[in-house]
Each structure stands twice: as structure tokens, then as C-alpha cells.
Amino acid sequence: MFNRLAEQLAKTRNIWDDILLLAARKPVALMIWVIGGSWALNVVDRSTGSDFMSVADPARRVLVIVTIAWFLIRFIRRAEIALVSPEKPLSLWTRPRLAPWVSC
């Protein structure tokens, strides 16, 4: 799925979609595992009547927060590289404006 999306996004002139996709690949895969594993543990917990989800639910929440933070770090790191990269400078249309009085 990511490969097909990467092919489509490579056709655009906007660099931000490429950065977003690169930053999201691994965190999305981890999020799928976390949510799927949590769902499977919930099914097992209900069928066995154990109290395992009282431990697994906080761990799932922590993993979701860590995954979101991981994505943000990857996105910011790649955006920083793109903003200061001399070989592929961003145009004035794609550069974020810090303030009206600051020129990019």
C-alpha cells in the first residue's frame, strides 16, 4: 500500500507529501501491530475471563503515545533536512512563513 502511494506522491511537485509518507511508514506499521495485538488480547481476555487487559490496556496506551511521538520526530527531522538542503531547495510556495515580517 505504501509503495503504491509513494509512486503517486512522487509525481507531485510538493515535497511535503513525500516527507509525510517517509515519516509515517514505520510508525504506521507499529501502530497496526499494537492495535491488532491489543484486539487479539482483548478477545483472549474475554474468552478466558482473565484480568490481563487491566495490564495490557495501559501498555497499549503508552505504545500509541510513543508511536505518535516517533512519527512526529521522524517528520520533523525530515522536514528540517528538506528545509536546509542545498541540493533541493524549497520554493517560496512550499516554505512555511514564520511571520509576515520575516521573508523566507
PDB file of N, CA and C in Angstrom:
ATOM      1  N   MET A   1       0.814  -1.177   0.000  1.00  0.00           N
ATOM      2  CA  MET A   1       0.000   0.000   0.000  1.00  0.00           C
ATOM      3  C   MET A   1       0.874   1.263   0.000  1.00  0.00           C
ATOM      4  N   PHE A   2       1.898   1.261   0.842  1.00  0.00           N
ATOM      5  CA  PHE A   2       2.775   2.425   0.896  1.00  0.00           C
ATOM      6  C   PHE A   2       3.544   2.611  -0.398  1.00  0.00           C
ATOM      7  N   ASN A   3       3.915   1.521  -1.044  1.00  0.00           N
ATOM      8  CA  ASN A   3       4.661   1.632  -2.298  1.00  0.00           C
ATOM      9  C   ASN A   3       3.803   2.268  -3.405  1.00  0.00           C
ATOM     10  N   ARG A   4       2.544   1.872  -3.487  1.00  0.00           N
ATOM     11  CA  ARG A   4       1.654   2.473  -4.489  1.00  0.00           C
ATOM     12  C   ARG A   4       1.411   3.945  -4.190  1.00  0.00           C
ATOM     13  N   LEU A   5       1.265   4.255  -2.920  1.00  0.00           N
ATOM     14  CA  LEU A   5       1.079   5.647  -2.528  1.00  0.00           C
ATOM     15  C   LEU A   5       2.337   6.463  -2.812  1.00  0.00           C
ATOM     16  N   ALA A   6       3.495   5.872  -2.576  1.00  0.00           N
ATOM     17  CA  ALA A   6       4.760   6.564  -2.864  1.00  0.00           C
ATOM     18  C   ALA A   6       4.904   6.845  -4.353  1.00  0.00           C
ATOM     19  N   GLU A   7       4.479   5.917  -5.202  1.00  0.00           N
ATOM     20  CA  GLU A   7       4.526   6.142  -6.647  1.00  0.00           C
ATOM     21  C   GLU A   7       3.651   7.323  -7.048  1.00  0.00           C
ATOM     22  N   GLN A   8       2.477   7.408  -6.473  1.00  0.00           N
ATOM     23  CA  GLN A   8       1.569   8.508  -6.799  1.00  0.00           C
ATOM     24  C   GLN A   8       2.101   9.835  -6.267  1.00  0.00           C
ATOM     25  N   LEU A   9       2.648   9.824  -5.066  1.00  0.00           N
ATOM     26  CA  LEU A   9       3.151  11.060  -4.473  1.00  0.00           C
ATOM     27  C   LEU A   9       4.445  11.527  -5.130  1.00  0.00           C
ATOM     28  N   ALA A  10       5.182  10.616  -5.747  1.00  0.00           N
ATOM     29  CA  ALA A  10       6.416  11.006  -6.436  1.00  0.00           C
ATOM     30  C   ALA A  10       6.114  11.859  -7.670  1.00  0.00           C
ATOM     31  N   LYS A  11       4.903  11.766  -8.173  1.00  0.00           N
ATOM     32  CA  LYS A  11       4.512  12.538  -9.350  1.00  0.00           C
ATOM     33  C   LYS A  11       4.206  13.996  -9.021  1.00  0.00           C
ATOM     34  N   THR A  12       4.009  14.299  -7.749  1.00  0.00           N
ATOM     35  CA  THR A  12       3.679  15.673  -7.369  1.00  0.00           C
ATOM     36  C   THR A  12       4.946  16.491  -7.197  1.00  0.00           C
ATOM     37  N   ARG A  13       4.799  17.796  -7.279  1.00  0.00           N
ATOM     38  CA  ARG A  13       5.943  18.693  -7.091  1.00  0.00           C
ATOM     39  C   ARG A  13       6.128  19.057  -5.623  1.00  0.00           C
ATOM     40  N   ASN A  14       5.139  18.776  -4.814  1.00  0.00           N
ATOM     41  CA  ASN A  14       5.190  19.109  -3.405  1.00  0.00           C
ATOM     42  C   ASN A  14       6.054  18.099  -2.656  1.00  0.00           C
ATOM     43  N   ILE A  15       7.003  18.573  -1.887  1.00  0.00           N
ATOM     44  CA  ILE A  15       7.898  17.685  -1.163  1.00  0.00           C
ATOM     45  C   ILE A  15       7.305  17.230   0.164  1.00  0.00           C
ATOM     46  N   TRP A  16       6.309  17.965   0.661  1.00  0.00           N
ATOM     47  CA  TRP A  16       5.762  17.659   1.979  1.00  0.00           C
ATOM     48  C   TRP A  16       5.031  16.333   2.016  1.00  0.00           C
ATOM     49  N   ASP A  17       4.384  15.929   0.946  1.00  0.00           N
ATOM     50  CA  ASP A  17       3.710  14.638   0.944  1.00  0.00           C
ATOM     51  C   ASP A  17       4.724  13.493   0.980  1.00  0.00           C
ATOM     52  N   ASP A  18       5.862  13.672   0.313  1.00  0.00           N
ATOM     53  CA  ASP A  18       6.917  12.657   0.365  1.00  0.00           C
ATOM     54  C   ASP A  18       7.484  12.541   1.779  1.00  0.00           C
ATOM     55  N   ILE A  19       7.699  13.678   2.408  1.00  0.00           N
ATOM     56  CA  ILE A  19       8.218  13.688   3.780  1.00  0.00           C
ATOM     57  C   ILE A  19       7.228  13.016   4.724  1.00  0.00           C
ATOM     58  N   LEU A  20       5.962  13.324   4.570  1.00  0.00           N
ATOM     59  CA  LEU A  20       4.929  12.733   5.417  1.00  0.00           C
ATOM     60  C   LEU A  20       4.881  11.217   5.259  1.00  0.00           C
ATOM     61  N   LEU A  21       4.959  10.745   4.027  1.00  0.00           N
ATOM     62  CA  LEU A  21       4.919   9.306   3.783  1.00  0.00           C
ATOM     63  C   LEU A  21       6.151   8.610   4.353  1.00  0.00           C
ATOM     64  N   LEU A  22       7.326   9.184   4.135  1.00  0.00           N
ATOM     65  CA  LEU A  22       8.538   8.578   4.679  1.00  0.00           C
ATOM     66  C   LEU A  22       8.515   8.535   6.203  1.00  0.00           C
ATOM     67  N   ALA A  23       7.994   9.576   6.804  1.00  0.00           N
ATOM     68  CA  ALA A  23       7.947   9.632   8.263  1.00  0.00           C
ATOM     69  C   ALA A  23       6.917   8.664   8.836  1.00  0.00           C
ATOM     70  N   ALA A  24       5.879   8.370   8.086  1.00  0.00           N
ATOM     71  CA  ALA A  24       4.778   7.568   8.611  1.00  0.00           C
ATOM     72  C   ALA A  24       4.937   6.064   8.394  1.00  0.00           C
ATOM     73  N   ARG A  25       5.826   5.643   7.517  1.00  0.00           N
ATOM     74  CA  ARG A  25       5.907   4.216   7.171  1.00  0.00           C
ATOM     75  C   ARG A  25       6.060   3.299   8.386  1.00  0.00           C
ATOM     76  N   LYS A  26       7.128   3.438   9.107  1.00  0.00           N
ATOM     77  CA  LYS A  26       7.391   2.542  10.235  1.00  0.00           C
ATOM     78  C   LYS A  26       6.428   2.759  11.401  1.00  0.00           C
ATOM     79  N   PRO A  27       6.118   4.010  11.767  1.00  0.00           N
ATOM     80  CA  PRO A  27       5.144   4.171  12.851  1.00  0.00           C
ATOM     81  C   PRO A  27       3.763   3.603  12.535  1.00  0.00           C
ATOM     82  N   VAL A  28       3.317   3.699  11.303  1.00  0.00           N
ATOM     83  CA  VAL A  28       2.018   3.125  10.947  1.00  0.00           C
ATOM     84  C   VAL A  28       2.069   1.605  11.064  1.00  0.00           C
ATOM     85  N   ALA A  29       3.168   1.002  10.648  1.00  0.00           N
ATOM     86  CA  ALA A  29       3.308  -0.449  10.780  1.00  0.00           C
ATOM     87  C   ALA A  29       3.275  -0.864  12.256  1.00  0.00           C
ATOM     88  N   LEU A  30       3.969  -0.109  13.098  1.00  0.00           N
ATOM     89  CA  LEU A  30       3.949  -0.411  14.528  1.00  0.00           C
ATOM     90  C   LEU A  30       2.552  -0.214  15.099  1.00  0.00           C
ATOM     91  N   MET A  31       1.862   0.832  14.670  1.00  0.00           N
ATOM     92  CA  MET A  31       0.507   1.097  15.168  1.00  0.00           C
ATOM     93  C   MET A  31      -0.438  -0.039  14.783  1.00  0.00           C
ATOM     94  N   ILE A  32      -0.279  -0.592  13.595  1.00  0.00           N
ATOM     95  CA  ILE A  32      -1.109  -1.727  13.183  1.00  0.00           C
ATOM     96  C   ILE A  32      -0.865  -2.923  14.092  1.00  0.00           C
ATOM     97  N   TRP A  33       0.399  -3.179  14.409  1.00  0.00           N
ATOM     98  CA  TRP A  33       0.727  -4.276  15.315  1.00  0.00           C
ATOM     99  C   TRP A  33       0.178  -4.037  16.715  1.00  0.00           C
ATOM    100  N   VAL A  34       0.300  -2.827  17.206  1.00  0.00           N
ATOM    101  CA  VAL A  34      -0.179  -2.510  18.561  1.00  0.00           C
ATOM    102  C   VAL A  34      -1.688  -2.663  18.642  1.00  0.00           C
ATOM    103  N   ILE A  35      -2.400  -2.091  17.677  1.00  0.00           N
ATOM    104  CA  ILE A  35      -3.864  -2.169  17.716  1.00  0.00           C
ATOM    105  C   ILE A  35      -4.337  -3.602  17.462  1.00  0.00           C
ATOM    106  N   GLY A  36      -3.721  -4.287  16.512  1.00  0.00           N
ATOM    107  CA  GLY A  36      -4.089  -5.679  16.250  1.00  0.00           C
ATOM    108  C   GLY A  36      -3.792  -6.589  17.430  1.00  0.00           C
ATOM    109  N   GLY A  37      -2.624  -6.400  18.035  1.00  0.00           N
ATOM    110  CA  GLY A  37      -2.277  -7.200  19.212  1.00  0.00           C
ATOM    111  C   GLY A  37      -3.202  -6.909  20.377  1.00  0.00           C
ATOM    112  N   SER A  38      -3.555  -5.660  20.544  1.00  0.00           N
ATOM    113  CA  SER A  38      -4.479  -5.285  21.609  1.00  0.00           C
ATOM    114  C   SER A  38      -5.851  -5.904  21.383  1.00  0.00           C
ATOM    115  N   TRP A  39      -6.293  -5.896  20.133  1.00  0.00           N
ATOM    116  CA  TRP A  39      -7.569  -6.508  19.811  1.00  0.00           C
ATOM    117  C   TRP A  39      -7.543  -8.013  20.093  1.00  0.00           C
ATOM    118  N   ALA A  40      -6.451  -8.673  19.701  1.00  0.00           N
ATOM    119  CA  ALA A  40      -6.335 -10.116  19.936  1.00  0.00           C
ATOM    120  C   ALA A  40      -6.287 -10.421  21.435  1.00  0.00           C
ATOM    121  N   LEU A  41      -5.561  -9.615  22.185  1.00  0.00           N
ATOM    122  CA  LEU A  41      -5.510  -9.821  23.635  1.00  0.00           C
ATOM    123  C   LEU A  41      -6.867  -9.583  24.279  1.00  0.00           C
ATOM    124  N   ASN A  42      -7.608  -8.644  23.751  1.00  0.00           N
ATOM    125  CA  ASN A  42      -8.947  -8.381  24.270  1.00  0.00           C
ATOM    126  C   ASN A  42      -9.866  -9.579  24.028  1.00  0.00           C
ATOM    127  N   VAL A  43      -9.764 -10.182  22.853  1.00  0.00           N
ATOM    128  CA  VAL A  43     -10.571 -11.371  22.544  1.00  0.00           C
ATOM    129  C   VAL A  43     -10.200 -12.515  23.474  1.00  0.00           C
ATOM    130  N   VAL A  44      -8.899 -12.737  23.672  1.00  0.00           N
ATOM    131  CA  VAL A  44      -8.441 -13.804  24.571  1.00  0.00           C
ATOM    132  C   VAL A  44      -8.897 -13.525  25.994  1.00  0.00           C
ATOM    133  N   ASP A  45      -8.799 -12.278  26.418  1.00  0.00           N
ATOM    134  CA  ASP A  45      -9.187 -11.895  27.766  1.00  0.00           C
ATOM    135  C   ASP A  45     -10.671 -12.147  28.008  1.00  0.00           C
ATOM    136  N   ARG A  46     -11.507 -11.823  27.032  1.00  0.00           N
ATOM    137  CA  ARG A  46     -12.942 -12.043  27.182  1.00  0.00           C
ATOM    138  C   ARG A  46     -13.296 -13.525  27.195  1.00  0.00           C
ATOM    139  N   SER A  47     -12.588 -14.307  26.355  1.00  0.00           N
ATOM    140  CA  SER A  47     -12.927 -15.732  26.274  1.00  0.00           C
ATOM    141  C   SER A  47     -12.418 -16.522  27.471  1.00  0.00           C
ATOM    142  N   THR A  48     -11.328 -16.088  28.081  1.00  0.00           N
ATOM    143  CA  THR A  48     -10.781 -16.824  29.224  1.00  0.00           C
ATOM    144  C   THR A  48     -11.255 -16.258  30.555  1.00  0.00           C
ATOM    145  N   GLY A  49     -11.758 -15.045  30.555  1.00  0.00           N
ATOM    146  CA  GLY A  49     -12.232 -14.453  31.800  1.00  0.00           C
ATOM    147  C   GLY A  49     -11.107 -13.950  32.691  1.00  0.00           C
ATOM    148  N   SER A  50      -9.916 -13.822  32.142  1.00  0.00           N
ATOM    149  CA  SER A  50      -8.791 -13.334  32.945  1.00  0.00           C
ATOM    150  C   SER A  50      -8.845 -11.817  33.064  1.00  0.00           C
ATOM    151  N   ASP A  51      -7.951 -11.289  33.858  1.00  0.00           N
ATOM    152  CA  ASP A  51      -7.888  -9.840  34.064  1.00  0.00           C
ATOM    153  C   ASP A  51      -6.619  -9.283  33.420  1.00  0.00           C
ATOM    154  N   PHE A  52      -6.236  -9.869  32.300  1.00  0.00           N
ATOM    155  CA  PHE A  52      -4.995  -9.480  31.629  1.00  0.00           C
ATOM    156  C   PHE A  52      -5.081  -8.091  31.015  1.00  0.00           C
ATOM    157  N   MET A  53      -6.240  -7.673  30.575  1.00  0.00           N
ATOM    158  CA  MET A  53      -6.377  -6.370  29.917  1.00  0.00           C
ATOM    159  C   MET A  53      -6.175  -5.208  30.878  1.00  0.00           C
ATOM    160  N   SER A  54      -6.283  -5.455  32.179  1.00  0.00           N
ATOM    161  CA  SER A  54      -6.007  -4.375  33.122  1.00  0.00           C
ATOM    162  C   SER A  54      -4.535  -3.971  33.070  1.00  0.00           C
ATOM    163  N   VAL A  55      -3.674  -4.876  32.637  1.00  0.00           N
ATOM    164  CA  VAL A  55      -2.252  -4.579  32.458  1.00  0.00           C
ATOM    165  C   VAL A  55      -1.968  -4.175  31.008  1.00  0.00           C
ATOM    166  N   ALA A  56      -2.622  -4.837  30.079  1.00  0.00           N
ATOM    167  CA  ALA A  56      -2.343  -4.598  28.658  1.00  0.00           C
ATOM    168  C   ALA A  56      -2.906  -3.272  28.164  1.00  0.00           C
ATOM    169  N   ASP A  57      -4.012  -2.810  28.727  1.00  0.00           N
ATOM    170  CA  ASP A  57      -4.615  -1.565  28.261  1.00  0.00           C
ATOM    171  C   ASP A  57      -3.711  -0.352  28.509  1.00  0.00           C
ATOM    172  N   PRO A  58      -3.135  -0.182  29.704  1.00  0.00           N
ATOM    173  CA  PRO A  58      -2.193   0.939  29.870  1.00  0.00           C
ATOM    174  C   PRO A  58      -0.948   0.813  28.986  1.00  0.00           C
ATOM    175  N   ALA A  59      -0.479  -0.411  28.782  1.00  0.00           N
ATOM    176  CA  ALA A  59       0.685  -0.616  27.906  1.00  0.00           C
ATOM    177  C   ALA A  59       0.341  -0.220  26.473  1.00  0.00           C
ATOM    178  N   ARG A  60      -0.865  -0.547  26.035  1.00  0.00           N
ATOM    179  CA  ARG A  60      -1.303  -0.158  24.685  1.00  0.00           C
ATOM    180  C   ARG A  60      -1.360   1.355  24.550  1.00  0.00           C
ATOM    181  N   ARG A  61      -1.883   2.019  25.562  1.00  0.00           N
ATOM    182  CA  ARG A  61      -1.961   3.482  25.518  1.00  0.00           C
ATOM    183  C   ARG A  61      -0.574   4.117  25.446  1.00  0.00           C
ATOM    184  N   VAL A  62       0.338   3.587  26.219  1.00  0.00           N
ATOM    185  CA  VAL A  62       1.719   4.098  26.184  1.00  0.00           C
ATOM    186  C   VAL A  62       2.331   3.861  24.815  1.00  0.00           C
ATOM    187  N   LEU A  63       2.136   2.690  24.243  1.00  0.00           N
ATOM    188  CA  LEU A  63       2.683   2.392  22.923  1.00  0.00           C
ATOM    189  C   LEU A  63       2.084   3.285  21.840  1.00  0.00           C
ATOM    190  N   VAL A  64       0.819   3.618  21.946  1.00  0.00           N
ATOM    191  CA  VAL A  64       0.204   4.522  20.965  1.00  0.00           C
ATOM    192  C   VAL A  64       0.838   5.911  21.084  1.00  0.00           C
ATOM    193  N   ILE A  65       1.025   6.394  22.299  1.00  0.00           N
ATOM    194  CA  ILE A  65       1.653   7.701  22.500  1.00  0.00           C
ATOM    195  C   ILE A  65       3.088   7.705  21.996  1.00  0.00           C
ATOM    196  N   VAL A  66       3.833   6.646  22.282  1.00  0.00           N
ATOM    197  CA  VAL A  66       5.220   6.540  21.820  1.00  0.00           C
ATOM    198  C   VAL A  66       5.274   6.489  20.295  1.00  0.00           C
ATOM    199  N   THR A  67       4.334   5.791  19.683  1.00  0.00           N
ATOM    200  CA  THR A  67       4.295   5.699  18.220  1.00  0.00           C
ATOM    201  C   THR A  67       4.000   7.055  17.592  1.00  0.00           C
ATOM    202  N   ILE A  68       3.075   7.790  18.163  1.00  0.00           N
ATOM    203  CA  ILE A  68       2.770   9.132  17.645  1.00  0.00           C
ATOM    204  C   ILE A  68       3.980  10.044  17.801  1.00  0.00           C
ATOM    205  N   ALA A  69       4.646   9.967  18.950  1.00  0.00           N
ATOM    206  CA  ALA A  69       5.852  10.775  19.163  1.00  0.00           C
ATOM    207  C   ALA A  69       6.945  10.383  18.181  1.00  0.00           C
ATOM    208  N   TRP A  70       7.088   9.095  17.924  1.00  0.00           N
ATOM    209  CA  TRP A  70       8.093   8.610  16.969  1.00  0.00           C
ATOM    210  C   TRP A  70       7.815   9.171  15.582  1.00  0.00           C
ATOM    211  N   PHE A  71       6.534   9.150  15.162  1.00  0.00           N
ATOM    212  CA  PHE A  71       6.172   9.726  13.873  1.00  0.00           C
ATOM    213  C   PHE A  71       6.520  11.214  13.818  1.00  0.00           C
ATOM    214  N   LEU A  72       6.174  11.955  14.850  1.00  0.00           N
ATOM    215  CA  LEU A  72       6.449  13.395  14.855  1.00  0.00           C
ATOM    216  C   LEU A  72       7.937  13.693  14.790  1.00  0.00           C
ATOM    217  N   ILE A  73       8.733  12.916  15.511  1.00  0.00           N
ATOM    218  CA  ILE A  73      10.185  13.099  15.464  1.00  0.00           C
ATOM    219  C   ILE A  73      10.715  12.821  14.066  1.00  0.00           C
ATOM    220  N   ARG A  74      10.251  11.743  13.451  1.00  0.00           N
ATOM    221  CA  ARG A  74      10.692  11.420  12.090  1.00  0.00           C
ATOM    222  C   ARG A  74      10.272  12.495  11.096  1.00  0.00           C
ATOM    223  N   PHE A  75       9.041  13.007  11.239  1.00  0.00           N
ATOM    224  CA  PHE A  75       8.559  14.039  10.337  1.00  0.00           C
ATOM    225  C   PHE A  75       9.362  15.326  10.497  1.00  0.00           C
ATOM    226  N   ILE A  76       9.580  15.743  11.715  1.00  0.00           N
ATOM    227  CA  ILE A  76      10.329  16.982  11.964  1.00  0.00           C
ATOM    228  C   ILE A  76      11.764  16.853  11.470  1.00  0.00           C
ATOM    229  N   ARG A  77      12.380  15.713  11.698  1.00  0.00           N
ATOM    230  CA  ARG A  77      13.762  15.503  11.248  1.00  0.00           C
ATOM    231  C   ARG A  77      13.860  15.590   9.731  1.00  0.00           C
ATOM    232  N   ARG A  78      12.930  14.957   9.031  1.00  0.00           N
ATOM    233  CA  ARG A  78      12.956  15.003   7.564  1.00  0.00           C
ATOM    234  C   ARG A  78      12.600  16.389   7.033  1.00  0.00           C
ATOM    235  N   ALA A  79      11.671  17.063   7.689  1.00  0.00           N
ATOM    236  CA  ALA A  79      11.323  18.417   7.274  1.00  0.00           C
ATOM    237  C   ALA A  79      12.504  19.363   7.474  1.00  0.00           C
ATOM    238  N   GLU A  80      13.216  19.180   8.559  1.00  0.00           N
ATOM    239  CA  GLU A  80      14.392  20.007   8.818  1.00  0.00           C
ATOM    240  C   GLU A  80      15.450  19.797   7.740  1.00  0.00           C
ATOM    241  N   ILE A  81      15.672  18.566   7.353  1.00  0.00           N
ATOM    242  CA  ILE A  81      16.640  18.269   6.297  1.00  0.00           C
ATOM    243  C   ILE A  81      16.182  18.896   4.979  1.00  0.00           C
ATOM    244  N   ALA A  82      14.892  18.792   4.683  1.00  0.00           N
ATOM    245  CA  ALA A  82      14.380  19.358   3.431  1.00  0.00           C
ATOM    246  C   ALA A  82      14.479  20.881   3.419  1.00  0.00           C
ATOM    247  N   LEU A  83      14.293  21.505   4.547  1.00  0.00           N
ATOM    248  CA  LEU A  83      14.327  22.963   4.603  1.00  0.00           C
ATOM    249  C   LEU A  83      15.732  23.526   4.446  1.00  0.00           C
ATOM    250  N   VAL A  84      16.750  22.782   4.892  1.00  0.00           N
ATOM    251  CA  VAL A  84      18.117  23.302   4.827  1.00  0.00           C
ATOM    252  C   VAL A  84      18.945  22.632   3.732  1.00  0.00           C
ATOM    253  N   SER A  85      18.328  21.750   2.959  1.00  0.00           N
ATOM    254  CA  SER A  85      19.042  21.023   1.920  1.00  0.00           C
ATOM    255  C   SER A  85      19.423  21.944   0.765  1.00  0.00           C
ATOM    256  N   PRO A  86      20.724  22.072   0.453  1.00  0.00           N
ATOM    257  CA  PRO A  86      21.114  22.943  -0.650  1.00  0.00           C
ATOM    258  C   PRO A  86      20.822  22.345  -2.025  1.00  0.00           C
ATOM    259  N   GLU A  87      20.772  21.026  -2.161  1.00  0.00           N
ATOM    260  CA  GLU A  87      20.587  20.427  -3.484  1.00  0.00           C
ATOM    261  C   GLU A  87      19.116  20.405  -3.909  1.00  0.00           C
ATOM    262  N   LYS A  88      18.190  20.549  -2.982  1.00  0.00           N
ATOM    263  CA  LYS A  88      16.776  20.529  -3.337  1.00  0.00           C
ATOM    264  C   LYS A  88      16.048  21.599  -2.516  1.00  0.00           C
ATOM    265  N   PRO A  89      16.297  22.857  -2.835  1.00  0.00           N
ATOM    266  CA  PRO A  89      15.668  23.909  -2.034  1.00  0.00           C
ATOM    267  C   PRO A  89      14.168  23.972  -2.274  1.00  0.00           C
ATOM    268  N   LEU A  90      13.473  24.367  -1.249  1.00  0.00           N
ATOM    269  CA  LEU A  90      12.030  24.509  -1.366  1.00  0.00           C
ATOM    270  C   LEU A  90      11.695  25.846  -1.997  1.00  0.00           C
ATOM    271  N   SER A  91      10.640  25.863  -2.747  1.00  0.00           N
ATOM    272  CA  SER A  91      10.223  27.119  -3.360  1.00  0.00           C
ATOM    273  C   SER A  91       9.545  27.995  -2.319  1.00  0.00           C
ATOM    274  N   LEU A  92       9.277  29.225  -2.688  1.00  0.00           N
ATOM    275  CA  LEU A  92       8.600  30.122  -1.765  1.00  0.00           C
ATOM    276  C   LEU A  92       7.185  29.653  -1.466  1.00  0.00           C
ATOM    277  N   TRP A  93       6.597  28.868  -2.358  1.00  0.00           N
ATOM    278  CA  TRP A  93       5.232  28.398  -2.134  1.00  0.00           C
ATOM    279  C   TRP A  93       5.178  27.258  -1.137  1.00  0.00           C
ATOM    280  N   THR A  94       6.235  26.478  -1.012  1.00  0.00           N
ATOM    281  CA  THR A  94       6.208  25.348  -0.095  1.00  0.00           C
ATOM    282  C   THR A  94       6.890  25.651   1.221  1.00  0.00           C
ATOM    283  N   ARG A  95       7.667  26.713   1.296  1.00  0.00           N
ATOM    284  CA  ARG A  95       8.300  27.095   2.554  1.00  0.00           C
ATOM    285  C   ARG A  95       7.284  27.699   3.501  1.00  0.00           C
ATOM    286  N   PRO A  96       7.315  27.284   4.757  1.00  0.00           N
ATOM    287  CA  PRO A  96       6.368  27.889   5.694  1.00  0.00           C
ATOM    288  C   PRO A  96       6.773  29.320   6.025  1.00  0.00           C
ATOM    289  N   ARG A  97       5.815  30.168   6.175  1.00  0.00           N
ATOM    290  CA  ARG A  97       6.077  31.556   6.559  1.00  0.00           C
ATOM    291  C   ARG A  97       6.045  31.637   8.069  1.00  0.00           C
ATOM    292  N   LEU A  98       7.107  32.142   8.654  1.00  0.00           N
ATOM    293  CA  LEU A  98       7.160  32.251  10.106  1.00  0.00           C
ATOM    294  C   LEU A  98       6.308  33.413  10.596  1.00  0.00           C
ATOM    295  N   ALA A  99       6.412  34.504   9.943  1.00  0.00           N
ATOM    296  CA  ALA A  99       5.620  35.679  10.298  1.00  0.00           C
ATOM    297  C   ALA A  99       5.562  36.581   9.084  1.00  0.00           C
ATOM    298  N   PRO A 100       4.611  37.484   9.020  1.00  0.00           N
ATOM    299  CA  PRO A 100       4.523  38.352   7.843  1.00  0.00           C
ATOM    300  C   PRO A 100       5.750  39.226   7.627  1.00  0.00           C
ATOM    301  N   TRP A 101       6.443  39.576   8.671  1.00  0.00           N
ATOM    302  CA  TRP A 101       7.598  40.464   8.532  1.00  0.00           C
ATOM    303  C   TRP A 101       8.902  39.713   8.270  1.00  0.00           C
ATOM    304  N   VAL A 102       8.873  38.377   8.318  1.00  0.00           N
ATOM    305  CA  VAL A 102      10.061  37.561   8.065  1.00  0.00           C
ATOM    306  C   VAL A 102       9.985  37.039   6.644  1.00  0.00           C
ATOM    307  N   SER A 103      10.982  37.306   5.835  1.00  0.00           N
ATOM    308  CA  SER A 103      10.984  36.761   4.478  1.00  0.00           C
ATOM    309  C   SER A 103      11.660  35.413   4.473  1.00  0.00           C
ATOM    310  N   CYS A 104      11.176  34.516   3.650  1.00  0.00           N
ATOM    311  CA  CYS A 104      11.740  33.165   3.574  1.00  0.00           C
ATOM    312  C   CYS A 104      12.805  33.092   2.527  1.00  0.00           C
TER     313      CYS A 104
END
